[in-house]
């Protein structure tokens, strides 16, 4: 699978996950009212989200990314920095 196809599939997975979670949020029971969704529908949504999460993890692995990546602002202070191993002094015994 080429890079563009992987990117498109990642985008599709993200869109489906966001849409399903929005549906759940919008139909969540409020003020003691029962959920308009049947138990079978709720289980179906849960199953879909599990499949989406699994595929997102597979796609992340295929593209060398992690699911922990978050967007960063260019002026944001980095939380870590790289250190060259050659700059670390050797211990002498």
Foldseek 3Di string as FASTA:
>chain_A
DDPVVLVVVLVVLVVLLVVLVVVCVVQPDDPPDDGPDDPVVVVVSVVSNVVSVVVNCVSCVVVVHHPPDDDDDPPDDDPDDDDDPVPDDDDDD
